[in-house]
Amino acid sequence: MGLGRRLYRGEIDVDFVGRKKLWYSLSGLLLIFSLAGLLINGLNLGVEFKGGTVFSFKAPTANIEQVRTEFKTLGVHQPIVQEAGDRWRVTTETLPAEQVAKIQDAVVKEYKADPKQIDVQQVGASWGGEVANKAWIGLGVFMLAIILYLSMAFEPKMALAAIVALVHDLVITAGIYAWSGFEVTPATLLGFLTILGYSLYDAVVVFDMIKEVTAKLGTTSKKTYTQAANDALNHTLIRSLNTSLVAILPVAAILFIGTTLLGAGTLKDLSLALFVGMLVGTYSSLCVATPLLVTLKEREPKYQAIARRLASTGGGAKSAKRAATAKS
């Protein structure tokens, strides 16, 4: 509690930029872990992307293993069984009409299901490919819009730092999906786009404060760009943490309570992307985007001159040390 109060009052100055090697090492490990998951396991694409047959029916007395075993005995390879409210949703490979009819008859016989309440949906692989293409196009347009906006509102180096942080967030979130085996559905893509917007919002708040603070730096400044940026980051720290906490709590409730205790399986595709993305997005805004921006800015002649001038004075040793750290 004491630490929280001191953070809130601004009594603690965290040297985020000075610890950039620590953050880069941590991000590197997370990226390696995520890429390994994508290469080893790959993404568990839903039927909307790879095509297949989806059965939906009521069977109150059944459990997941019973439903899975029943479908396997009917010749289905690796059926994906999910409980959606009071109904079972079973996703299979694309099945011929004769086998679909056979499965419907077996469900009616085994679980006393009403034939009129057994829904069957055939999804073609070509339609799934079209959805995937549109998702990539949407992601590309979003990234381009971010670059243009940040370049006009701030500067190209801030846009570059923000894009690196966004890609960092996407890869780690996708890696978590690969390791967890969660199904990737259109809802997952919506979650990915949402976390991109959230991560961008956090970065814009930080960059706006950095822009305001560093605009005052001149030839007689007593701070390097590194110090000024770190001070700006500390001023927005509590705002970022509070915003993240308020946003993460309801998402965590959906993920851990809604899907685990209440069995709302259809929500986990969206909630996992949001939960992981918000956590990683907050981290990247503070510990990836800002240190990277400082590294780029400290290479400019103007800020190098400030660092050299401060290094030549007795009181500027700390400033010069931070500047040298940022450039390394």
C-alpha atoms as a PDB file:
ATOM      1  CA  MET A   1       0.000   0.000   0.000  1.00  0.00           C
ATOM      2  CA  GLY A   2       2.864   2.391   0.869  1.00  0.00           C
ATOM      3  CA  LEU A   3       4.470   1.837  -2.539  1.00  0.00           C
ATOM      4  CA  GLY A   4       1.144   2.447  -4.289  1.00  0.00           C
ATOM      5  CA  ARG A   5       0.604   5.735  -2.447  1.00  0.00           C
ATOM      6  CA  ARG A   6       4.137   6.898  -3.221  1.00  0.00           C
ATOM      7  CA  LEU A   7       3.683   6.069  -6.891  1.00  0.00           C
ATOM      8  CA  TYR A   8       0.363   7.904  -6.971  1.00  0.00           C
ATOM      9  CA  ARG A   9       1.876  11.010  -5.343  1.00  0.00           C
ATOM     10  CA  GLY A  10       4.818  10.993  -7.730  1.00  0.00           C
ATOM     11  CA  GLU A  11       7.333  10.413  -4.936  1.00  0.00           C
ATOM     12  CA  ILE A  12       9.036   7.549  -6.800  1.00  0.00           C
ATOM     13  CA  ASP A  13      11.055   8.173  -9.952  1.00  0.00           C
ATOM     14  CA  VAL A  14      11.377   4.905 -11.861  1.00  0.00           C
ATOM     15  CA  ASP A  15      14.273   4.858 -14.321  1.00  0.00           C
ATOM     16  CA  PHE A  16      12.463   3.070 -17.177  1.00  0.00           C
ATOM     17  CA  VAL A  17      14.800   4.324 -19.893  1.00  0.00           C
ATOM     18  CA  GLY A  18      17.968   3.549 -17.955  1.00  0.00           C
ATOM     19  CA  ARG A  19      16.888  -0.090 -17.647  1.00  0.00           C
ATOM     20  CA  LYS A  20      16.218  -0.488 -21.337  1.00  0.00           C
ATOM     21  CA  LYS A  21      18.590  -3.469 -21.641  1.00  0.00           C
ATOM     22  CA  LEU A  22      16.505  -5.299 -19.050  1.00  0.00           C
ATOM     23  CA  TRP A  23      13.264  -4.524 -20.924  1.00  0.00           C
ATOM     24  CA  TYR A  24      14.765  -5.468 -24.291  1.00  0.00           C
ATOM     25  CA  SER A  25      16.033  -8.765 -22.854  1.00  0.00           C
ATOM     26  CA  LEU A  26      12.620  -9.542 -21.370  1.00  0.00           C
ATOM     27  CA  SER A  27      10.862  -8.659 -24.628  1.00  0.00           C
ATOM     28  CA  GLY A  28      13.369 -10.758 -26.562  1.00  0.00           C
ATOM     29  CA  LEU A  29      12.615 -13.794 -24.389  1.00  0.00           C
ATOM     30  CA  LEU A  30       8.864 -13.269 -24.779  1.00  0.00           C
ATOM     31  CA  LEU A  31       9.198 -12.934 -28.552  1.00  0.00           C
ATOM     32  CA  ILE A  32      11.333 -16.084 -28.799  1.00  0.00           C
ATOM     33  CA  PHE A  33       8.797 -17.953 -26.669  1.00  0.00           C
ATOM     34  CA  SER A  34       5.946 -16.702 -28.853  1.00  0.00           C
ATOM     35  CA  LEU A  35       7.650 -17.429 -32.166  1.00  0.00           C
ATOM     36  CA  ALA A  36       8.514 -20.921 -30.943  1.00  0.00           C
ATOM     37  CA  GLY A  37       4.839 -21.524 -30.195  1.00  0.00           C
ATOM     38  CA  LEU A  38       3.823 -20.290 -33.644  1.00  0.00           C
ATOM     39  CA  LEU A  39       6.437 -22.503 -35.344  1.00  0.00           C
ATOM     40  CA  ILE A  40       5.874 -25.618 -33.218  1.00  0.00           C
ATOM     41  CA  ASN A  41       2.119 -25.572 -32.607  1.00  0.00           C
ATOM     42  CA  GLY A  42       0.847 -23.008 -35.073  1.00  0.00           C
ATOM     43  CA  LEU A  43      -2.489 -21.269 -34.638  1.00  0.00           C
ATOM     44  CA  ASN A  44      -5.598 -23.348 -34.089  1.00  0.00           C
ATOM     45  CA  LEU A  45      -7.660 -21.751 -36.848  1.00  0.00           C
ATOM     46  CA  GLY A  46     -11.402 -21.947 -36.453  1.00  0.00           C
ATOM     47  CA  VAL A  47     -13.803 -23.341 -38.993  1.00  0.00           C
ATOM     48  CA  GLU A  48     -14.425 -19.820 -40.287  1.00  0.00           C
ATOM     49  CA  PHE A  49     -10.877 -19.806 -41.734  1.00  0.00           C
ATOM     50  CA  LYS A  50     -10.126 -23.387 -42.754  1.00  0.00           C
ATOM     51  CA  GLY A  51     -13.634 -24.581 -43.565  1.00  0.00           C
ATOM     52  CA  GLY A  52     -15.539 -27.529 -42.112  1.00  0.00           C
ATOM     53  CA  THR A  53     -18.852 -28.671 -40.693  1.00  0.00           C
ATOM     54  CA  VAL A  54     -20.368 -27.338 -37.461  1.00  0.00           C
ATOM     55  CA  PHE A  55     -23.029 -29.214 -35.474  1.00  0.00           C
ATOM     56  CA  SER A  56     -25.042 -27.470 -32.760  1.00  0.00           C
ATOM     57  CA  PHE A  57     -27.510 -29.360 -30.570  1.00  0.00           C
ATOM     58  CA  LYS A  58     -28.897 -29.751 -27.042  1.00  0.00           C
ATOM     59  CA  ALA A  59     -27.810 -32.673 -24.872  1.00  0.00           C
ATOM     60  CA  PRO A  60     -28.206 -31.743 -21.185  1.00  0.00           C
ATOM     61  CA  THR A  61     -27.027 -35.124 -19.851  1.00  0.00           C
ATOM     62  CA  ALA A  62     -23.844 -35.337 -21.946  1.00  0.00           C
ATOM     63  CA  ASN A  63     -20.318 -34.244 -21.158  1.00  0.00           C
ATOM     64  CA  ILE A  64     -17.420 -33.211 -23.386  1.00  0.00           C
ATOM     65  CA  GLU A  65     -15.737 -36.628 -23.452  1.00  0.00           C
ATOM     66  CA  GLN A  66     -18.986 -38.411 -24.302  1.00  0.00           C
ATOM     67  CA  VAL A  67     -19.712 -36.078 -27.200  1.00  0.00           C
ATOM     68  CA  ARG A  68     -16.136 -36.285 -28.489  1.00  0.00           C
ATOM     69  CA  THR A  69     -16.111 -40.094 -28.284  1.00  0.00           C
ATOM     70  CA  GLU A  70     -19.472 -40.345 -30.023  1.00  0.00           C
ATOM     71  CA  PHE A  71     -18.304 -38.265 -32.983  1.00  0.00           C
ATOM     72  CA  LYS A  72     -15.043 -40.224 -33.278  1.00  0.00           C
ATOM     73  CA  THR A  73     -16.941 -43.510 -33.451  1.00  0.00           C
ATOM     74  CA  LEU A  74     -18.877 -42.001 -36.368  1.00  0.00           C
ATOM     75  CA  GLY A  75     -15.695 -41.487 -38.357  1.00  0.00           C
ATOM     76  CA  VAL A  76     -14.859 -37.874 -37.447  1.00  0.00           C
ATOM     77  CA  HIS A  77     -11.160 -37.074 -37.009  1.00  0.00           C
ATOM     78  CA  GLN A  78     -10.263 -34.776 -34.089  1.00  0.00           C
ATOM     79  CA  PRO A  79     -13.652 -33.110 -33.462  1.00  0.00           C
ATOM     80  CA  ILE A  80     -13.523 -29.835 -31.540  1.00  0.00           C
ATOM     81  CA  VAL A  81     -16.200 -29.902 -28.842  1.00  0.00           C
ATOM     82  CA  GLN A  82     -17.323 -26.721 -27.089  1.00  0.00           C
ATOM     83  CA  GLU A  83     -20.131 -25.985 -24.663  1.00  0.00           C
ATOM     84  CA  ALA A  84     -21.978 -22.837 -25.718  1.00  0.00           C
ATOM     85  CA  GLY A  85     -24.618 -22.039 -23.134  1.00  0.00           C
ATOM     86  CA  ASP A  86     -27.123 -24.934 -23.088  1.00  0.00           C
ATOM     87  CA  ARG A  87     -25.946 -26.284 -26.445  1.00  0.00           C
ATOM     88  CA  TRP A  88     -23.004 -28.319 -27.706  1.00  0.00           C
ATOM     89  CA  ARG A  89     -20.978 -26.992 -30.640  1.00  0.00           C
ATOM     90  CA  VAL A  90     -18.927 -29.614 -32.478  1.00  0.00           C
ATOM     91  CA  THR A  91     -16.571 -28.567 -35.279  1.00  0.00           C
ATOM     92  CA  THR A  92     -15.301 -31.186 -37.710  1.00  0.00           C
ATOM     93  CA  GLU A  93     -13.569 -31.383 -41.053  1.00  0.00           C
ATOM     94  CA  THR A  94     -15.787 -30.944 -44.117  1.00  0.00           C
ATOM     95  CA  LEU A  95     -18.126 -33.960 -44.186  1.00  0.00           C
ATOM     96  CA  PRO A  96     -20.216 -35.387 -47.046  1.00  0.00           C
ATOM     97  CA  ALA A  97     -24.003 -35.148 -46.836  1.00  0.00           C
ATOM     98  CA  GLU A  98     -24.360 -38.880 -46.110  1.00  0.00           C
ATOM     99  CA  GLN A  99     -22.097 -38.692 -43.060  1.00  0.00           C
ATOM    100  CA  VAL A 100     -23.831 -35.523 -41.822  1.00  0.00           C
ATOM    101  CA  ALA A 101     -27.193 -37.323 -41.938  1.00  0.00           C
ATOM    102  CA  LYS A 102     -25.671 -40.309 -40.128  1.00  0.00           C
ATOM    103  CA  ILE A 103     -24.360 -38.072 -37.343  1.00  0.00           C
ATOM    104  CA  GLN A 104     -27.707 -36.301 -36.978  1.00  0.00           C
ATOM    105  CA  ASP A 105     -29.495 -39.646 -36.571  1.00  0.00           C
ATOM    106  CA  ALA A 106     -26.917 -40.773 -33.988  1.00  0.00           C
ATOM    107  CA  VAL A 107     -27.310 -37.572 -31.957  1.00  0.00           C
ATOM    108  CA  VAL A 108     -31.096 -37.987 -31.910  1.00  0.00           C
ATOM    109  CA  LYS A 109     -30.777 -41.610 -30.818  1.00  0.00           C
ATOM    110  CA  GLU A 110     -27.979 -41.202 -28.265  1.00  0.00           C
ATOM    111  CA  TYR A 111     -29.041 -37.945 -26.579  1.00  0.00           C
ATOM    112  CA  LYS A 112     -32.785 -37.906 -27.292  1.00  0.00           C
ATOM    113  CA  ALA A 113     -32.270 -34.587 -29.088  1.00  0.00           C
ATOM    114  CA  ASP A 114     -35.026 -32.903 -31.052  1.00  0.00           C
ATOM    115  CA  PRO A 115     -34.163 -33.285 -34.776  1.00  0.00           C
ATOM    116  CA  LYS A 116     -35.518 -29.779 -35.430  1.00  0.00           C
ATOM    117  CA  GLN A 117     -33.035 -28.303 -32.948  1.00  0.00           C
ATOM    118  CA  ILE A 118     -29.937 -29.846 -34.540  1.00  0.00           C
ATOM    119  CA  ASP A 119     -28.276 -27.104 -36.571  1.00  0.00           C
ATOM    120  CA  VAL A 120     -25.708 -28.010 -39.207  1.00  0.00           C
ATOM    121  CA  GLN A 121     -23.532 -25.414 -40.911  1.00  0.00           C
ATOM    122  CA  GLN A 122     -21.175 -26.118 -43.812  1.00  0.00           C
ATOM    123  CA  VAL A 123     -18.346 -23.594 -44.144  1.00  0.00           C
ATOM    124  CA  GLY A 124     -16.263 -23.658 -47.318  1.00  0.00           C
ATOM    125  CA  ALA A 125     -12.491 -23.227 -47.187  1.00  0.00           C
ATOM    126  CA  SER A 126     -12.669 -20.544 -49.884  1.00  0.00           C
ATOM    127  CA  TRP A 127     -14.912 -18.406 -47.678  1.00  0.00           C
ATOM    128  CA  GLY A 128     -12.492 -18.867 -44.791  1.00  0.00           C
ATOM    129  CA  GLY A 129      -9.608 -17.748 -47.003  1.00  0.00           C
ATOM    130  CA  GLU A 130     -11.580 -14.656 -47.958  1.00  0.00           C
ATOM    131  CA  VAL A 131     -12.110 -13.814 -44.277  1.00  0.00           C
ATOM    132  CA  ALA A 132      -8.380 -14.241 -43.599  1.00  0.00           C
ATOM    133  CA  ASN A 133      -7.466 -11.986 -46.545  1.00  0.00           C
ATOM    134  CA  LYS A 134      -9.832  -9.287 -45.339  1.00  0.00           C
ATOM    135  CA  ALA A 135      -8.309  -9.540 -41.864  1.00  0.00           C
ATOM    136  CA  TRP A 136      -4.791  -9.002 -43.262  1.00  0.00           C
ATOM    137  CA  ILE A 137      -6.005  -6.075 -45.360  1.00  0.00           C
ATOM    138  CA  GLY A 138      -7.677  -4.538 -42.301  1.00  0.00           C
ATOM    139  CA  LEU A 139      -4.493  -4.948 -40.266  1.00  0.00           C
ATOM    140  CA  GLY A 140      -2.410  -3.346 -43.010  1.00  0.00           C
ATOM    141  CA  VAL A 141      -4.776  -0.374 -43.339  1.00  0.00           C
ATOM    142  CA  PHE A 142      -4.758   0.054 -39.552  1.00  0.00           C
ATOM    143  CA  MET A 143      -0.959   0.073 -39.417  1.00  0.00           C
ATOM    144  CA  LEU A 144      -0.742   2.580 -42.285  1.00  0.00           C
ATOM    145  CA  ALA A 145      -3.272   4.857 -40.572  1.00  0.00           C
ATOM    146  CA  ILE A 146      -1.225   4.710 -37.360  1.00  0.00           C
ATOM    147  CA  ILE A 147       1.978   5.664 -39.167  1.00  0.00           C
ATOM    148  CA  LEU A 148       0.316   8.595 -40.916  1.00  0.00           C
ATOM    149  CA  TYR A 149      -1.411   9.858 -37.765  1.00  0.00           C
ATOM    150  CA  LEU A 150       1.634   9.659 -35.497  1.00  0.00           C
ATOM    151  CA  SER A 151       3.896  11.150 -38.165  1.00  0.00           C
ATOM    152  CA  MET A 152       1.579  14.158 -38.489  1.00  0.00           C
ATOM    153  CA  ALA A 153       0.637  14.526 -34.820  1.00  0.00           C
ATOM    154  CA  PHE A 154       4.117  13.861 -33.457  1.00  0.00           C
ATOM    155  CA  GLU A 155       7.050  12.815 -35.647  1.00  0.00           C
ATOM    156  CA  PRO A 156       8.206   9.797 -37.719  1.00  0.00           C
ATOM    157  CA  LYS A 157      10.465   8.436 -34.957  1.00  0.00           C
ATOM    158  CA  MET A 158       7.528   8.264 -32.570  1.00  0.00           C
ATOM    159  CA  ALA A 159       5.516   6.497 -35.273  1.00  0.00           C
ATOM    160  CA  LEU A 160       8.331   3.952 -35.711  1.00  0.00           C
ATOM    161  CA  ALA A 161       8.568   3.313 -31.960  1.00  0.00           C
ATOM    162  CA  ALA A 162       4.791   2.860 -31.718  1.00  0.00           C
ATOM    163  CA  ILE A 163       4.694   0.441 -34.673  1.00  0.00           C
ATOM    164  CA  VAL A 164       7.497  -1.668 -33.174  1.00  0.00           C
ATOM    165  CA  ALA A 165       5.545  -1.827 -29.895  1.00  0.00           C
ATOM    166  CA  LEU A 166       2.345  -2.831 -31.742  1.00  0.00           C
ATOM    167  CA  VAL A 167       4.101  -5.621 -33.649  1.00  0.00           C
ATOM    168  CA  HIS A 168       5.661  -6.707 -30.339  1.00  0.00           C
ATOM    169  CA  ASP A 169       2.176  -6.927 -28.782  1.00  0.00           C
ATOM    170  CA  LEU A 170       0.700  -8.829 -31.744  1.00  0.00           C
ATOM    171  CA  VAL A 171       3.438 -11.455 -31.878  1.00  0.00           C
ATOM    172  CA  ILE A 172       3.327 -12.142 -28.135  1.00  0.00           C
ATOM    173  CA  THR A 173      -0.476 -12.376 -28.090  1.00  0.00           C
ATOM    174  CA  ALA A 174      -0.439 -14.708 -31.110  1.00  0.00           C
ATOM    175  CA  GLY A 175       2.223 -16.810 -29.390  1.00  0.00           C
ATOM    176  CA  ILE A 176       0.049 -17.192 -26.298  1.00  0.00           C
ATOM    177  CA  TYR A 177      -2.760 -18.394 -28.564  1.00  0.00           C
ATOM    178  CA  ALA A 178      -0.428 -20.907 -30.199  1.00  0.00           C
ATOM    179  CA  TRP A 179       0.748 -22.366 -26.876  1.00  0.00           C
ATOM    180  CA  SER A 180      -2.721 -22.380 -25.286  1.00  0.00           C
ATOM    181  CA  GLY A 181      -4.400 -23.996 -28.292  1.00  0.00           C
ATOM    182  CA  PHE A 182      -7.321 -21.569 -28.134  1.00  0.00           C
ATOM    183  CA  GLU A 183      -9.281 -21.466 -31.364  1.00  0.00           C
ATOM    184  CA  VAL A 184      -8.726 -18.423 -33.573  1.00  0.00           C
ATOM    185  CA  THR A 185     -12.100 -17.106 -34.744  1.00  0.00           C
ATOM    186  CA  PRO A 186     -13.368 -13.802 -36.185  1.00  0.00           C
ATOM    187  CA  ALA A 187     -13.957 -12.763 -32.562  1.00  0.00           C
ATOM    188  CA  THR A 188     -10.241 -13.279 -31.961  1.00  0.00           C
ATOM    189  CA  LEU A 189      -9.414 -10.920 -34.812  1.00  0.00           C
ATOM    190  CA  LEU A 190     -11.734  -8.318 -33.301  1.00  0.00           C
ATOM    191  CA  GLY A 191      -9.838  -8.740 -30.048  1.00  0.00           C
ATOM    192  CA  PHE A 192      -6.523  -8.251 -31.862  1.00  0.00           C
ATOM    193  CA  LEU A 193      -7.732  -5.027 -33.490  1.00  0.00           C
ATOM    194  CA  THR A 194      -9.062  -3.835 -30.131  1.00  0.00           C
ATOM    195  CA  ILE A 195      -5.744  -4.349 -28.347  1.00  0.00           C
ATOM    196  CA  LEU A 196      -3.961  -2.517 -31.156  1.00  0.00           C
ATOM    197  CA  GLY A 197      -6.166   0.485 -30.527  1.00  0.00           C
ATOM    198  CA  TYR A 198      -5.699   0.205 -26.769  1.00  0.00           C
ATOM    199  CA  SER A 199      -1.919  -0.099 -27.050  1.00  0.00           C
ATOM    200  CA  LEU A 200      -1.840   2.866 -29.404  1.00  0.00           C
ATOM    201  CA  TYR A 201      -3.887   4.943 -26.968  1.00  0.00           C
ATOM    202  CA  ASP A 202      -1.423   4.237 -24.162  1.00  0.00           C
ATOM    203  CA  ALA A 203       1.552   5.092 -26.376  1.00  0.00           C
ATOM    204  CA  VAL A 204      -0.057   8.354 -27.557  1.00  0.00           C
ATOM    205  CA  VAL A 205      -0.633   9.476 -23.963  1.00  0.00           C
ATOM    206  CA  VAL A 206       3.024   8.858 -23.113  1.00  0.00           C
ATOM    207  CA  PHE A 207       4.364  10.398 -26.331  1.00  0.00           C
ATOM    208  CA  ASP A 208       2.213  13.489 -25.914  1.00  0.00           C
ATOM    209  CA  MET A 209       3.730  14.124 -22.498  1.00  0.00           C
ATOM    210  CA  ILE A 210       7.245  13.455 -23.831  1.00  0.00           C
ATOM    211  CA  LYS A 211       6.660  15.897 -26.678  1.00  0.00           C
ATOM    212  CA  GLU A 212       5.501  18.561 -24.229  1.00  0.00           C
ATOM    213  CA  VAL A 213       8.440  18.084 -21.843  1.00  0.00           C
ATOM    214  CA  THR A 214      11.201  17.756 -24.439  1.00  0.00           C
ATOM    215  CA  ALA A 215       9.990  20.785 -26.410  1.00  0.00           C
ATOM    216  CA  LYS A 216      11.582  22.938 -23.681  1.00  0.00           C
ATOM    217  CA  LEU A 217      15.044  21.435 -24.157  1.00  0.00           C
ATOM    218  CA  GLY A 218      17.583  23.911 -25.542  1.00  0.00           C
ATOM    219  CA  THR A 219      21.263  24.651 -25.570  1.00  0.00           C
ATOM    220  CA  THR A 220      21.176  25.680 -21.890  1.00  0.00           C
ATOM    221  CA  SER A 221      19.020  22.773 -20.744  1.00  0.00           C
ATOM    222  CA  LYS A 222      19.964  21.024 -17.517  1.00  0.00           C
ATOM    223  CA  LYS A 223      18.516  17.708 -18.677  1.00  0.00           C
ATOM    224  CA  THR A 224      19.261  15.351 -21.530  1.00  0.00           C
ATOM    225  CA  TYR A 225      16.501  14.016 -23.751  1.00  0.00           C
ATOM    226  CA  THR A 226      16.787  10.735 -21.840  1.00  0.00           C
ATOM    227  CA  GLN A 227      16.106  12.384 -18.493  1.00  0.00           C
ATOM    228  CA  ALA A 228      13.290  14.549 -19.820  1.00  0.00           C
ATOM    229  CA  ALA A 229      11.589  11.572 -21.479  1.00  0.00           C
ATOM    230  CA  ASN A 230      11.926   9.484 -18.337  1.00  0.00           C
ATOM    231  CA  ASP A 231      10.417  12.288 -16.245  1.00  0.00           C
ATOM    232  CA  ALA A 232       7.493  12.516 -18.695  1.00  0.00           C
ATOM    233  CA  LEU A 233       7.009   8.769 -18.480  1.00  0.00           C
ATOM    234  CA  ASN A 234       6.861   8.905 -14.701  1.00  0.00           C
ATOM    235  CA  HIS A 235       4.271  11.698 -14.865  1.00  0.00           C
ATOM    236  CA  THR A 236       1.980   9.463 -16.950  1.00  0.00           C
ATOM    237  CA  LEU A 237       2.790   6.248 -15.067  1.00  0.00           C
ATOM    238  CA  ILE A 238      -0.155   6.305 -12.667  1.00  0.00           C
ATOM    239  CA  ARG A 239      -2.568   7.308 -15.433  1.00  0.00           C
ATOM    240  CA  SER A 240      -1.382   4.381 -17.553  1.00  0.00           C
ATOM    241  CA  LEU A 241      -1.569   1.894 -14.683  1.00  0.00           C
ATOM    242  CA  ASN A 242      -5.014   3.076 -13.560  1.00  0.00           C
ATOM    243  CA  THR A 243      -6.389   2.957 -17.105  1.00  0.00           C
ATOM    244  CA  SER A 244      -4.958  -0.519 -17.630  1.00  0.00           C
ATOM    245  CA  LEU A 245      -6.309  -1.847 -14.340  1.00  0.00           C
ATOM    246  CA  VAL A 246      -9.805  -0.511 -14.972  1.00  0.00           C
ATOM    247  CA  ALA A 247      -9.816  -2.042 -18.460  1.00  0.00           C
ATOM    248  CA  ILE A 248      -8.283  -5.396 -17.489  1.00  0.00           C
ATOM    249  CA  LEU A 249     -10.583  -6.185 -14.544  1.00  0.00           C
ATOM    250  CA  PRO A 250     -13.828  -6.668 -16.549  1.00  0.00           C
ATOM    251  CA  VAL A 251     -11.932  -8.584 -19.246  1.00  0.00           C
ATOM    252  CA  ALA A 252     -10.449 -10.848 -16.571  1.00  0.00           C
ATOM    253  CA  ALA A 253     -13.957 -11.415 -15.212  1.00  0.00           C
ATOM    254  CA  ILE A 254     -15.130 -12.508 -18.667  1.00  0.00           C
ATOM    255  CA  LEU A 255     -12.122 -14.776 -19.190  1.00  0.00           C
ATOM    256  CA  PHE A 256     -11.866 -16.462 -15.784  1.00  0.00           C
ATOM    257  CA  ILE A 257     -15.431 -16.294 -14.464  1.00  0.00           C
ATOM    258  CA  GLY A 258     -17.543 -16.192 -17.594  1.00  0.00           C
ATOM    259  CA  THR A 259     -15.737 -18.996 -19.418  1.00  0.00           C
ATOM    260  CA  THR A 260     -14.646 -21.133 -16.462  1.00  0.00           C
ATOM    261  CA  LEU A 261     -17.478 -20.904 -13.942  1.00  0.00           C
ATOM    262  CA  LEU A 262     -20.398 -20.007 -16.196  1.00  0.00           C
ATOM    263  CA  GLY A 263     -19.290 -22.025 -19.190  1.00  0.00           C
ATOM    264  CA  ALA A 264     -19.657 -19.239 -21.752  1.00  0.00           C
ATOM    265  CA  GLY A 265     -17.091 -20.785 -24.104  1.00  0.00           C
ATOM    266  CA  THR A 266     -17.864 -18.472 -27.000  1.00  0.00           C
ATOM    267  CA  LEU A 267     -16.407 -15.527 -25.052  1.00  0.00           C
ATOM    268  CA  LYS A 268     -12.945 -16.971 -24.470  1.00  0.00           C
ATOM    269  CA  ASP A 269     -11.735 -16.306 -28.028  1.00  0.00           C
ATOM    270  CA  LEU A 270     -12.266 -12.583 -27.573  1.00  0.00           C
ATOM    271  CA  SER A 271     -11.438 -12.289 -23.872  1.00  0.00           C
ATOM    272  CA  LEU A 272      -8.042 -14.047 -24.053  1.00  0.00           C
ATOM    273  CA  ALA A 273      -6.865 -11.714 -26.837  1.00  0.00           C
ATOM    274  CA  LEU A 274      -8.011  -8.679 -24.861  1.00  0.00           C
ATOM    275  CA  PHE A 275      -6.532  -9.849 -21.551  1.00  0.00           C
ATOM    276  CA  VAL A 276      -3.094 -10.737 -22.898  1.00  0.00           C
ATOM    277  CA  GLY A 277      -3.021  -7.780 -25.284  1.00  0.00           C
ATOM    278  CA  MET A 278      -3.853  -5.226 -22.602  1.00  0.00           C
ATOM    279  CA  LEU A 279      -1.174  -6.534 -20.260  1.00  0.00           C
ATOM    280  CA  VAL A 280       1.471  -6.646 -22.972  1.00  0.00           C
ATOM    281  CA  GLY A 281       0.305  -3.316 -24.425  1.00  0.00           C
ATOM    282  CA  THR A 282       0.755  -1.520 -21.113  1.00  0.00           C
ATOM    283  CA  TYR A 283       4.206  -3.040 -20.706  1.00  0.00           C
ATOM    284  CA  SER A 284       5.295  -2.174 -24.259  1.00  0.00           C
ATOM    285  CA  SER A 285       4.131   1.446 -23.997  1.00  0.00           C
ATOM    286  CA  LEU A 286       6.256   1.989 -20.900  1.00  0.00           C
ATOM    287  CA  CYS A 287       9.205  -0.321 -21.453  1.00  0.00           C
ATOM    288  CA  VAL A 288       9.540  -0.780 -25.223  1.00  0.00           C
ATOM    289  CA  ALA A 289       8.151   2.198 -27.140  1.00  0.00           C
ATOM    290  CA  THR A 290       9.620   4.933 -24.931  1.00  0.00           C
ATOM    291  CA  PRO A 291      13.150   3.480 -24.533  1.00  0.00           C
ATOM    292  CA  LEU A 292      13.254   2.865 -28.300  1.00  0.00           C
ATOM    293  CA  LEU A 293      12.161   6.441 -28.974  1.00  0.00           C
ATOM    294  CA  VAL A 294      14.865   7.757 -26.643  1.00  0.00           C
ATOM    295  CA  THR A 295      17.488   5.602 -28.366  1.00  0.00           C
ATOM    296  CA  LEU A 296      16.526   7.132 -31.721  1.00  0.00           C
ATOM    297  CA  LYS A 297      16.309  10.729 -30.463  1.00  0.00           C
ATOM    298  CA  GLU A 298      19.604  10.711 -28.540  1.00  0.00           C
ATOM    299  CA  ARG A 299      21.391  10.122 -31.850  1.00  0.00           C
ATOM    300  CA  GLU A 300      20.293  13.541 -33.123  1.00  0.00           C
ATOM    301  CA  PRO A 301      23.051  16.229 -33.082  1.00  0.00           C
ATOM    302  CA  LYS A 302      20.961  18.595 -30.959  1.00  0.00           C
ATOM    303  CA  TYR A 303      20.571  16.147 -28.087  1.00  0.00           C
ATOM    304  CA  GLN A 304      24.102  14.805 -28.436  1.00  0.00           C
ATOM    305  CA  ALA A 305      25.358  18.381 -27.958  1.00  0.00           C
ATOM    306  CA  ILE A 306      23.283  18.742 -24.775  1.00  0.00           C
ATOM    307  CA  ALA A 307      24.665  15.461 -23.444  1.00  0.00           C
ATOM    308  CA  ARG A 308      28.264  16.494 -24.200  1.00  0.00           C
ATOM    309  CA  ARG A 309      27.794  19.886 -22.539  1.00  0.00           C
ATOM    310  CA  LEU A 310      26.330  18.301 -19.406  1.00  0.00           C
ATOM    311  CA  ALA A 311      29.090  15.690 -19.383  1.00  0.00           C
ATOM    312  CA  SER A 312      31.687  18.469 -19.311  1.00  0.00           C
ATOM    313  CA  THR A 313      30.182  19.940 -16.122  1.00  0.00           C
ATOM    314  CA  GLY A 314      30.414  18.393 -12.709  1.00  0.00           C
ATOM    315  CA  GLY A 315      26.640  18.323 -12.191  1.00  0.00           C
ATOM    316  CA  GLY A 316      25.871  16.628 -15.487  1.00  0.00           C
ATOM    317  CA  ALA A 317      27.479  13.251 -14.904  1.00  0.00           C
ATOM    318  CA  LYS A 318      24.196  11.487 -14.288  1.00  0.00           C
ATOM    319  CA  SER A 319      22.615  13.072 -17.346  1.00  0.00           C
ATOM    320  CA  ALA A 320      25.538  12.104 -19.563  1.00  0.00           C
ATOM    321  CA  LYS A 321      25.493   8.557 -18.217  1.00  0.00           C
ATOM    322  CA  ARG A 322      21.814   8.193 -19.072  1.00  0.00           C
ATOM    323  CA  ALA A 323      22.350   9.642 -22.525  1.00  0.00           C
ATOM    324  CA  ALA A 324      25.227   7.253 -23.170  1.00  0.00           C
ATOM    325  CA  THR A 325      23.069   4.366 -22.021  1.00  0.00           C
ATOM    326  CA  ALA A 326      20.282   5.398 -24.395  1.00  0.00           C
ATOM    327  CA  LYS A 327      22.659   5.539 -27.376  1.00  0.00           C
ATOM    328  CA  SER A 328      24.259   2.142 -26.686  1.00  0.00           C
END
